[in-house]
Amino acid sequence: MLDIMEIQEILPHRYPFLLVDRITDMEKAKSITGYKNISISEPAFMGHFPGHPIYPGVLILEGMAQAGGVLALKSNDLTKEELESKVIYFMSIDGAKFRSPVRPGDKLVYKIEVKKLRGNLIVLDGKAFVDDNLVAEAELKAMIVDK
């Protein structure tokens, strides 16, 4: 549905901090599904952990937040010009749980649902999966603001 070039038109993040490779499904103001392919060449693996590479939980949360950011920004039906003048700030991450390690070679699938959308405020239920197994979850709160 959205490839990496289209994602970069929405989010300001770039390598090595753009953590969503593709959006596969989106229903505005309701939900979004996307993924990141986890490669051994990820910069985080140089130090987390040598000889036992585990994708950091904080990066899983950031990937969920970025997918949620795409959803939030696309749900407000902003023009391309308006989109360029907005950024999404995450205000809180609550109830974060990590259920299973994510390793090189995994396809990390983000499934995000809107719990509340009121003006520029959005509350999201985020889940991350590998092979249909839940690996992480959290509630994300964010606000769309002018750059």
N, C-alpha and C. Protein backbone atom coordinates (compact mmCIF):
# COMPACT_ATOMS: atom_id res chain seq x y z
N MET A 1 0.83 -1.20 0.00
CA MET A 1 0.00 0.00 0.00
C MET A 1 0.87 1.26 0.00
N LEU A 2 1.91 1.33 0.88
CA LEU A 2 2.88 2.43 0.83
C LEU A 2 4.28 1.81 0.84
N ASP A 3 5.10 2.19 -0.14
CA ASP A 3 6.47 1.68 -0.13
C ASP A 3 7.37 2.65 0.63
N ILE A 4 8.66 2.35 0.67
CA ILE A 4 9.59 3.14 1.47
C ILE A 4 9.67 4.59 0.99
N MET A 5 9.56 4.82 -0.31
CA MET A 5 9.62 6.19 -0.83
C MET A 5 8.39 7.00 -0.38
N GLU A 6 7.23 6.36 -0.38
CA GLU A 6 6.02 7.05 0.07
C GLU A 6 6.05 7.27 1.58
N ILE A 7 6.60 6.33 2.33
CA ILE A 7 6.73 6.50 3.79
C ILE A 7 7.62 7.70 4.09
N GLN A 8 8.69 7.87 3.30
CA GLN A 8 9.61 9.00 3.52
C GLN A 8 8.98 10.34 3.17
N GLU A 9 7.88 10.33 2.40
CA GLU A 9 7.15 11.57 2.13
C GLU A 9 6.30 11.97 3.33
N ILE A 10 6.02 11.02 4.23
CA ILE A 10 5.16 11.26 5.39
C ILE A 10 5.98 11.48 6.66
N LEU A 11 6.97 10.61 6.88
CA LEU A 11 7.78 10.68 8.10
C LEU A 11 9.10 11.40 7.83
N PRO A 12 9.61 12.15 8.82
CA PRO A 12 10.90 12.82 8.65
C PRO A 12 12.10 11.89 8.88
N HIS A 13 11.88 10.70 9.43
CA HIS A 13 12.97 9.79 9.78
C HIS A 13 13.73 9.30 8.54
N ARG A 14 15.02 9.08 8.71
CA ARG A 14 15.87 8.54 7.65
C ARG A 14 16.83 7.53 8.28
N TYR A 15 17.54 6.78 7.41
CA TYR A 15 18.53 5.81 7.88
C TYR A 15 19.49 6.49 8.86
N PRO A 16 19.81 5.85 9.95
CA PRO A 16 19.45 4.49 10.37
C PRO A 16 18.22 4.44 11.28
N PHE A 17 17.40 5.49 11.25
CA PHE A 17 16.30 5.55 12.21
C PHE A 17 14.92 5.46 11.58
N LEU A 18 14.83 5.17 10.28
CA LEU A 18 13.54 4.90 9.67
C LEU A 18 13.29 3.41 9.84
N LEU A 19 12.31 3.05 10.66
CA LEU A 19 12.14 1.67 11.10
C LEU A 19 10.87 1.00 10.58
N VAL A 20 10.35 1.50 9.48
CA VAL A 20 9.21 0.88 8.80
C VAL A 20 9.59 0.77 7.32
N ASP A 21 9.60 -0.46 6.79
CA ASP A 21 9.97 -0.67 5.39
C ASP A 21 8.79 -0.54 4.44
N ARG A 22 7.61 -0.93 4.90
CA ARG A 22 6.44 -0.94 4.02
C ARG A 22 5.17 -0.92 4.86
N ILE A 23 4.15 -0.25 4.35
CA ILE A 23 2.81 -0.29 4.92
C ILE A 23 1.99 -1.20 4.01
N THR A 24 1.40 -2.25 4.57
CA THR A 24 0.68 -3.23 3.76
C THR A 24 -0.84 -3.05 3.81
N ASP A 25 -1.33 -2.37 4.85
CA ASP A 25 -2.77 -2.18 4.98
C ASP A 25 -3.03 -0.96 5.85
N MET A 26 -4.02 -0.15 5.48
CA MET A 26 -4.35 1.01 6.30
C MET A 26 -5.82 1.35 6.10
N GLU A 27 -6.50 1.56 7.22
CA GLU A 27 -7.86 2.08 7.21
C GLU A 27 -7.81 3.36 8.03
N LYS A 28 -7.92 4.50 7.34
CA LYS A 28 -7.78 5.80 8.00
C LYS A 28 -8.62 5.88 9.26
N ALA A 29 -8.00 6.45 10.32
CA ALA A 29 -8.64 6.66 11.62
C ALA A 29 -8.99 5.35 12.34
N LYS A 30 -8.54 4.20 11.81
CA LYS A 30 -8.85 2.91 12.43
C LYS A 30 -7.62 2.06 12.71
N SER A 31 -6.85 1.72 11.65
CA SER A 31 -5.74 0.78 11.85
C SER A 31 -4.71 0.88 10.72
N ILE A 32 -3.54 0.33 11.02
CA ILE A 32 -2.47 0.27 10.03
C ILE A 32 -1.64 -0.98 10.30
N THR A 33 -1.15 -1.58 9.22
CA THR A 33 -0.25 -2.73 9.33
C THR A 33 0.95 -2.45 8.44
N GLY A 34 2.13 -2.68 9.00
CA GLY A 34 3.36 -2.49 8.24
C GLY A 34 4.42 -3.42 8.76
N TYR A 35 5.60 -3.36 8.15
CA TYR A 35 6.66 -4.25 8.62
C TYR A 35 8.04 -3.66 8.42
N LYS A 36 8.97 -4.26 9.13
CA LYS A 36 10.40 -3.99 8.98
C LYS A 36 11.10 -5.34 8.90
N ASN A 37 11.91 -5.49 7.87
CA ASN A 37 12.75 -6.68 7.77
C ASN A 37 14.00 -6.45 8.62
N ILE A 38 14.24 -7.35 9.54
CA ILE A 38 15.37 -7.21 10.46
C ILE A 38 16.58 -7.93 9.86
N SER A 39 17.61 -7.15 9.57
CA SER A 39 18.81 -7.68 8.93
C SER A 39 19.99 -7.63 9.91
N ILE A 40 20.92 -8.56 9.76
CA ILE A 40 22.12 -8.55 10.60
C ILE A 40 22.93 -7.27 10.38
N SER A 41 22.68 -6.56 9.28
CA SER A 41 23.42 -5.32 9.02
C SER A 41 22.85 -4.11 9.77
N GLU A 42 21.81 -4.30 10.59
CA GLU A 42 21.27 -3.20 11.41
C GLU A 42 22.39 -2.67 12.31
N PRO A 43 22.55 -1.33 12.38
CA PRO A 43 23.61 -0.76 13.22
C PRO A 43 23.53 -1.19 14.69
N ALA A 44 22.33 -1.42 15.20
CA ALA A 44 22.17 -1.78 16.62
C ALA A 44 22.88 -3.09 16.97
N PHE A 45 23.02 -3.99 15.98
CA PHE A 45 23.60 -5.30 16.27
C PHE A 45 25.10 -5.24 16.53
N MET A 46 25.74 -4.13 16.21
CA MET A 46 27.18 -4.00 16.51
C MET A 46 27.42 -4.08 18.01
N GLY A 47 26.45 -3.61 18.80
CA GLY A 47 26.64 -3.61 20.24
C GLY A 47 25.54 -4.30 21.03
N HIS A 48 24.55 -4.88 20.35
CA HIS A 48 23.39 -5.45 21.05
C HIS A 48 23.03 -6.81 20.48
N PHE A 49 23.60 -7.84 20.72
CA PHE A 49 24.81 -8.06 21.47
C PHE A 49 25.77 -8.84 20.58
N PRO A 50 27.06 -8.52 20.54
CA PRO A 50 27.99 -9.26 19.69
C PRO A 50 27.95 -10.76 20.01
N GLY A 51 27.79 -11.56 18.98
CA GLY A 51 27.73 -13.01 19.16
C GLY A 51 26.35 -13.52 19.54
N HIS A 52 25.44 -12.64 19.91
CA HIS A 52 24.07 -13.02 20.29
C HIS A 52 23.14 -11.85 19.93
N PRO A 53 22.94 -11.60 18.62
CA PRO A 53 22.20 -10.41 18.20
C PRO A 53 20.70 -10.46 18.54
N ILE A 54 20.27 -9.45 19.29
CA ILE A 54 18.86 -9.28 19.67
C ILE A 54 18.47 -7.85 19.28
N TYR A 55 17.39 -7.70 18.51
CA TYR A 55 16.91 -6.38 18.12
C TYR A 55 16.37 -5.66 19.35
N PRO A 56 16.85 -4.45 19.65
CA PRO A 56 16.46 -3.76 20.88
C PRO A 56 14.96 -3.47 20.97
N GLY A 57 14.40 -3.73 22.15
CA GLY A 57 12.98 -3.47 22.40
C GLY A 57 12.60 -2.03 22.14
N VAL A 58 13.47 -1.11 22.48
CA VAL A 58 13.16 0.31 22.28
C VAL A 58 13.00 0.61 20.78
N LEU A 59 13.72 -0.11 19.92
CA LEU A 59 13.56 0.09 18.48
C LEU A 59 12.27 -0.54 17.97
N ILE A 60 11.82 -1.62 18.61
CA ILE A 60 10.51 -2.19 18.27
C ILE A 60 9.42 -1.17 18.60
N LEU A 61 9.51 -0.55 19.77
CA LEU A 61 8.54 0.48 20.16
C LEU A 61 8.59 1.66 19.20
N GLU A 62 9.79 2.08 18.81
CA GLU A 62 9.93 3.19 17.87
C GLU A 62 9.32 2.84 16.52
N GLY A 63 9.49 1.61 16.07
CA GLY A 63 8.88 1.18 14.81
C GLY A 63 7.36 1.22 14.88
N MET A 64 6.81 0.76 16.02
CA MET A 64 5.36 0.84 16.20
C MET A 64 4.92 2.31 16.18
N ALA A 65 5.70 3.16 16.84
CA ALA A 65 5.37 4.59 16.89
C ALA A 65 5.42 5.20 15.49
N GLN A 66 6.40 4.81 14.68
CA GLN A 66 6.49 5.35 13.33
C GLN A 66 5.32 4.89 12.47
N ALA A 67 4.95 3.63 12.57
CA ALA A 67 3.77 3.15 11.84
C ALA A 67 2.53 3.92 12.30
N GLY A 68 2.41 4.12 13.62
CA GLY A 68 1.30 4.90 14.16
C GLY A 68 1.33 6.34 13.68
N GLY A 69 2.53 6.89 13.51
CA GLY A 69 2.68 8.25 12.99
C GLY A 69 2.17 8.37 11.57
N VAL A 70 2.46 7.37 10.74
CA VAL A 70 1.93 7.35 9.37
C VAL A 70 0.40 7.36 9.43
N LEU A 71 -0.16 6.50 10.27
CA LEU A 71 -1.62 6.42 10.40
C LEU A 71 -2.20 7.75 10.86
N ALA A 72 -1.62 8.34 11.89
CA ALA A 72 -2.13 9.60 12.43
C ALA A 72 -2.08 10.71 11.38
N LEU A 73 -0.96 10.83 10.70
CA LEU A 73 -0.81 11.89 9.71
C LEU A 73 -1.71 11.66 8.50
N LYS A 74 -1.87 10.43 8.06
CA LYS A 74 -2.74 10.13 6.92
C LYS A 74 -4.22 10.23 7.30
N SER A 75 -4.55 10.03 8.57
CA SER A 75 -5.95 10.07 9.01
C SER A 75 -6.51 11.49 9.02
N ASN A 76 -5.63 12.49 9.06
CA ASN A 76 -6.09 13.87 9.11
C ASN A 76 -6.30 14.48 7.72
N ASP A 77 -6.16 13.66 6.66
CA ASP A 77 -6.38 14.12 5.28
C ASP A 77 -5.65 15.43 4.97
N LEU A 78 -4.38 15.48 5.33
CA LEU A 78 -3.58 16.66 5.08
C LEU A 78 -3.10 16.67 3.63
N THR A 79 -3.00 17.86 3.05
CA THR A 79 -2.42 17.98 1.71
C THR A 79 -0.92 17.71 1.82
N LYS A 80 -0.26 17.52 0.69
CA LYS A 80 1.19 17.28 0.70
C LYS A 80 1.92 18.45 1.37
N GLU A 81 1.48 19.67 1.08
CA GLU A 81 2.10 20.86 1.67
C GLU A 81 1.88 20.90 3.18
N GLU A 82 0.65 20.59 3.63
CA GLU A 82 0.37 20.56 5.07
C GLU A 82 1.18 19.47 5.76
N LEU A 83 1.30 18.32 5.10
CA LEU A 83 2.05 17.20 5.64
C LEU A 83 3.50 17.59 5.90
N GLU A 84 4.08 18.36 4.99
CA GLU A 84 5.47 18.79 5.12
C GLU A 84 5.68 19.73 6.30
N SER A 85 4.61 20.38 6.78
CA SER A 85 4.75 21.34 7.88
C SER A 85 4.39 20.73 9.24
N LYS A 86 4.04 19.43 9.25
CA LYS A 86 3.62 18.76 10.49
C LYS A 86 4.64 17.71 10.92
N VAL A 87 4.65 17.44 12.21
CA VAL A 87 5.45 16.36 12.77
C VAL A 87 4.64 15.76 13.90
N ILE A 88 4.88 14.50 14.20
CA ILE A 88 4.15 13.85 15.28
C ILE A 88 5.11 13.60 16.44
N TYR A 89 4.70 14.03 17.63
CA TYR A 89 5.50 13.83 18.84
C TYR A 89 4.80 12.81 19.71
N PHE A 90 5.52 11.80 20.14
CA PHE A 90 4.94 10.84 21.06
C PHE A 90 5.06 11.37 22.48
N MET A 91 3.93 11.34 23.20
CA MET A 91 3.84 11.91 24.54
C MET A 91 4.03 10.84 25.60
N SER A 92 3.57 9.61 25.32
CA SER A 92 3.77 8.54 26.31
C SER A 92 3.68 7.19 25.64
N ILE A 93 4.33 6.24 26.27
CA ILE A 93 4.25 4.83 25.89
C ILE A 93 3.94 4.10 27.19
N ASP A 94 2.77 3.48 27.25
CA ASP A 94 2.32 2.82 28.47
C ASP A 94 2.16 1.32 28.26
N GLY A 95 2.35 0.57 29.32
CA GLY A 95 2.09 -0.86 29.31
C GLY A 95 2.96 -1.64 28.33
N ALA A 96 4.17 -1.17 28.08
CA ALA A 96 5.04 -1.87 27.14
C ALA A 96 5.43 -3.23 27.70
N LYS A 97 5.29 -4.24 26.85
CA LYS A 97 5.67 -5.60 27.23
C LYS A 97 6.42 -6.23 26.07
N PHE A 98 7.48 -6.94 26.40
CA PHE A 98 8.28 -7.66 25.40
C PHE A 98 8.14 -9.14 25.69
N ARG A 99 7.63 -9.88 24.72
CA ARG A 99 7.26 -11.28 24.94
C ARG A 99 8.27 -12.27 24.39
N SER A 100 9.03 -11.86 23.38
CA SER A 100 9.94 -12.79 22.73
C SER A 100 11.02 -11.98 22.01
N PRO A 101 12.27 -12.46 21.98
CA PRO A 101 13.32 -11.71 21.29
C PRO A 101 13.12 -11.68 19.77
N VAL A 102 13.56 -10.60 19.16
CA VAL A 102 13.53 -10.44 17.71
C VAL A 102 14.98 -10.53 17.24
N ARG A 103 15.19 -11.35 16.19
CA ARG A 103 16.56 -11.65 15.75
C ARG A 103 16.73 -11.34 14.27
N PRO A 104 17.98 -11.27 13.82
CA PRO A 104 18.22 -11.07 12.39
C PRO A 104 17.51 -12.14 11.56
N GLY A 105 16.94 -11.71 10.45
CA GLY A 105 16.19 -12.61 9.58
C GLY A 105 14.69 -12.57 9.83
N ASP A 106 14.28 -11.99 10.96
CA ASP A 106 12.85 -11.89 11.27
C ASP A 106 12.18 -10.78 10.47
N LYS A 107 10.92 -11.00 10.15
CA LYS A 107 10.07 -9.96 9.58
C LYS A 107 9.20 -9.46 10.72
N LEU A 108 9.45 -8.24 11.17
CA LEU A 108 8.75 -7.65 12.31
C LEU A 108 7.51 -6.91 11.78
N VAL A 109 6.34 -7.45 12.09
CA VAL A 109 5.08 -6.89 11.59
C VAL A 109 4.43 -6.04 12.69
N TYR A 110 4.14 -4.80 12.34
CA TYR A 110 3.47 -3.86 13.26
C TYR A 110 1.99 -3.83 12.93
N LYS A 111 1.15 -4.00 13.96
CA LYS A 111 -0.31 -3.86 13.81
C LYS A 111 -0.76 -2.83 14.84
N ILE A 112 -1.26 -1.72 14.34
CA ILE A 112 -1.61 -0.59 15.20
C ILE A 112 -3.09 -0.28 15.01
N GLU A 113 -3.80 -0.12 16.12
CA GLU A 113 -5.22 0.26 16.06
C GLU A 113 -5.45 1.54 16.85
N VAL A 114 -6.36 2.37 16.33
CA VAL A 114 -6.71 3.62 17.01
C VAL A 114 -7.65 3.31 18.17
N LYS A 115 -7.28 3.79 19.35
CA LYS A 115 -8.17 3.70 20.52
C LYS A 115 -8.97 4.99 20.65
N LYS A 116 -8.29 6.12 20.34
CA LYS A 116 -8.94 7.42 20.44
C LYS A 116 -8.28 8.37 19.45
N LEU A 117 -9.10 9.12 18.74
CA LEU A 117 -8.60 10.13 17.81
C LEU A 117 -9.45 11.38 18.01
N ARG A 118 -8.82 12.41 18.55
CA ARG A 118 -9.56 13.64 18.84
C ARG A 118 -8.70 14.82 18.41
N GLY A 119 -9.02 15.43 17.29
CA GLY A 119 -8.22 16.55 16.79
C GLY A 119 -6.81 16.10 16.49
N ASN A 120 -5.85 16.77 17.13
CA ASN A 120 -4.44 16.45 16.91
C ASN A 120 -3.91 15.37 17.85
N LEU A 121 -4.74 14.85 18.73
CA LEU A 121 -4.33 13.83 19.70
C LEU A 121 -4.77 12.45 19.22
N ILE A 122 -3.86 11.47 19.35
CA ILE A 122 -4.20 10.10 18.97
C ILE A 122 -3.66 9.13 20.02
N VAL A 123 -4.49 8.15 20.38
CA VAL A 123 -4.09 7.08 21.29
C VAL A 123 -4.17 5.78 20.50
N LEU A 124 -3.07 5.02 20.52
CA LEU A 124 -2.96 3.82 19.69
C LEU A 124 -2.66 2.59 20.52
N ASP A 125 -3.20 1.47 20.08
CA ASP A 125 -2.87 0.16 20.64
C ASP A 125 -1.90 -0.48 19.65
N GLY A 126 -0.64 -0.63 20.07
CA GLY A 126 0.38 -1.16 19.18
C GLY A 126 0.78 -2.58 19.53
N LYS A 127 0.92 -3.39 18.50
CA LYS A 127 1.39 -4.76 18.68
C LYS A 127 2.42 -5.06 17.60
N ALA A 128 3.42 -5.88 17.95
CA ALA A 128 4.44 -6.30 16.99
C ALA A 128 4.50 -7.82 16.99
N PHE A 129 4.60 -8.39 15.80
CA PHE A 129 4.57 -9.84 15.62
C PHE A 129 5.74 -10.31 14.78
N VAL A 130 6.19 -11.53 15.03
CA VAL A 130 7.09 -12.26 14.14
C VAL A 130 6.44 -13.62 13.92
N ASP A 131 6.21 -13.97 12.65
CA ASP A 131 5.54 -15.24 12.31
C ASP A 131 4.24 -15.43 13.09
N ASP A 132 3.42 -14.39 13.17
CA ASP A 132 2.13 -14.41 13.87
C ASP A 132 2.24 -14.58 15.38
N ASN A 133 3.45 -14.54 15.93
CA ASN A 133 3.65 -14.59 17.38
C ASN A 133 3.84 -13.18 17.91
N LEU A 134 3.07 -12.81 18.93
CA LEU A 134 3.19 -11.49 19.55
C LEU A 134 4.56 -11.38 20.23
N VAL A 135 5.35 -10.37 19.82
CA VAL A 135 6.66 -10.18 20.43
C VAL A 135 6.72 -8.93 21.31
N ALA A 136 5.83 -7.96 21.05
CA ALA A 136 5.81 -6.74 21.86
C ALA A 136 4.47 -6.05 21.72
N GLU A 137 4.12 -5.26 22.76
CA GLU A 137 2.88 -4.49 22.72
C GLU A 137 3.01 -3.27 23.62
N ALA A 138 2.22 -2.23 23.31
CA ALA A 138 2.23 -1.01 24.12
C ALA A 138 1.08 -0.11 23.67
N GLU A 139 0.69 0.79 24.58
CA GLU A 139 -0.25 1.85 24.23
C GLU A 139 0.58 3.11 23.98
N LEU A 140 0.35 3.74 22.84
CA LEU A 140 1.12 4.91 22.41
C LEU A 140 0.20 6.12 22.33
N LYS A 141 0.64 7.23 22.92
CA LYS A 141 -0.12 8.49 22.81
C LYS A 141 0.76 9.50 22.09
N ALA A 142 0.14 10.21 21.14
CA ALA A 142 0.91 11.15 20.34
C ALA A 142 0.09 12.39 19.98
N MET A 143 0.79 13.43 19.56
CA MET A 143 0.14 14.67 19.15
C MET A 143 0.78 15.16 17.86
N ILE A 144 -0.04 15.58 16.93
CA ILE A 144 0.45 16.19 15.68
C ILE A 144 0.62 17.68 15.93
N VAL A 145 1.82 18.17 15.63
CA VAL A 145 2.13 19.60 15.86
C VAL A 145 2.79 20.20 14.62
N ASP A 146 2.82 21.53 14.56
CA ASP A 146 3.54 22.22 13.49
C ASP A 146 5.05 22.09 13.74
N LYS A 147 5.80 21.95 12.66
CA LYS A 147 7.27 21.86 12.79
C LYS A 147 7.84 23.14 13.33
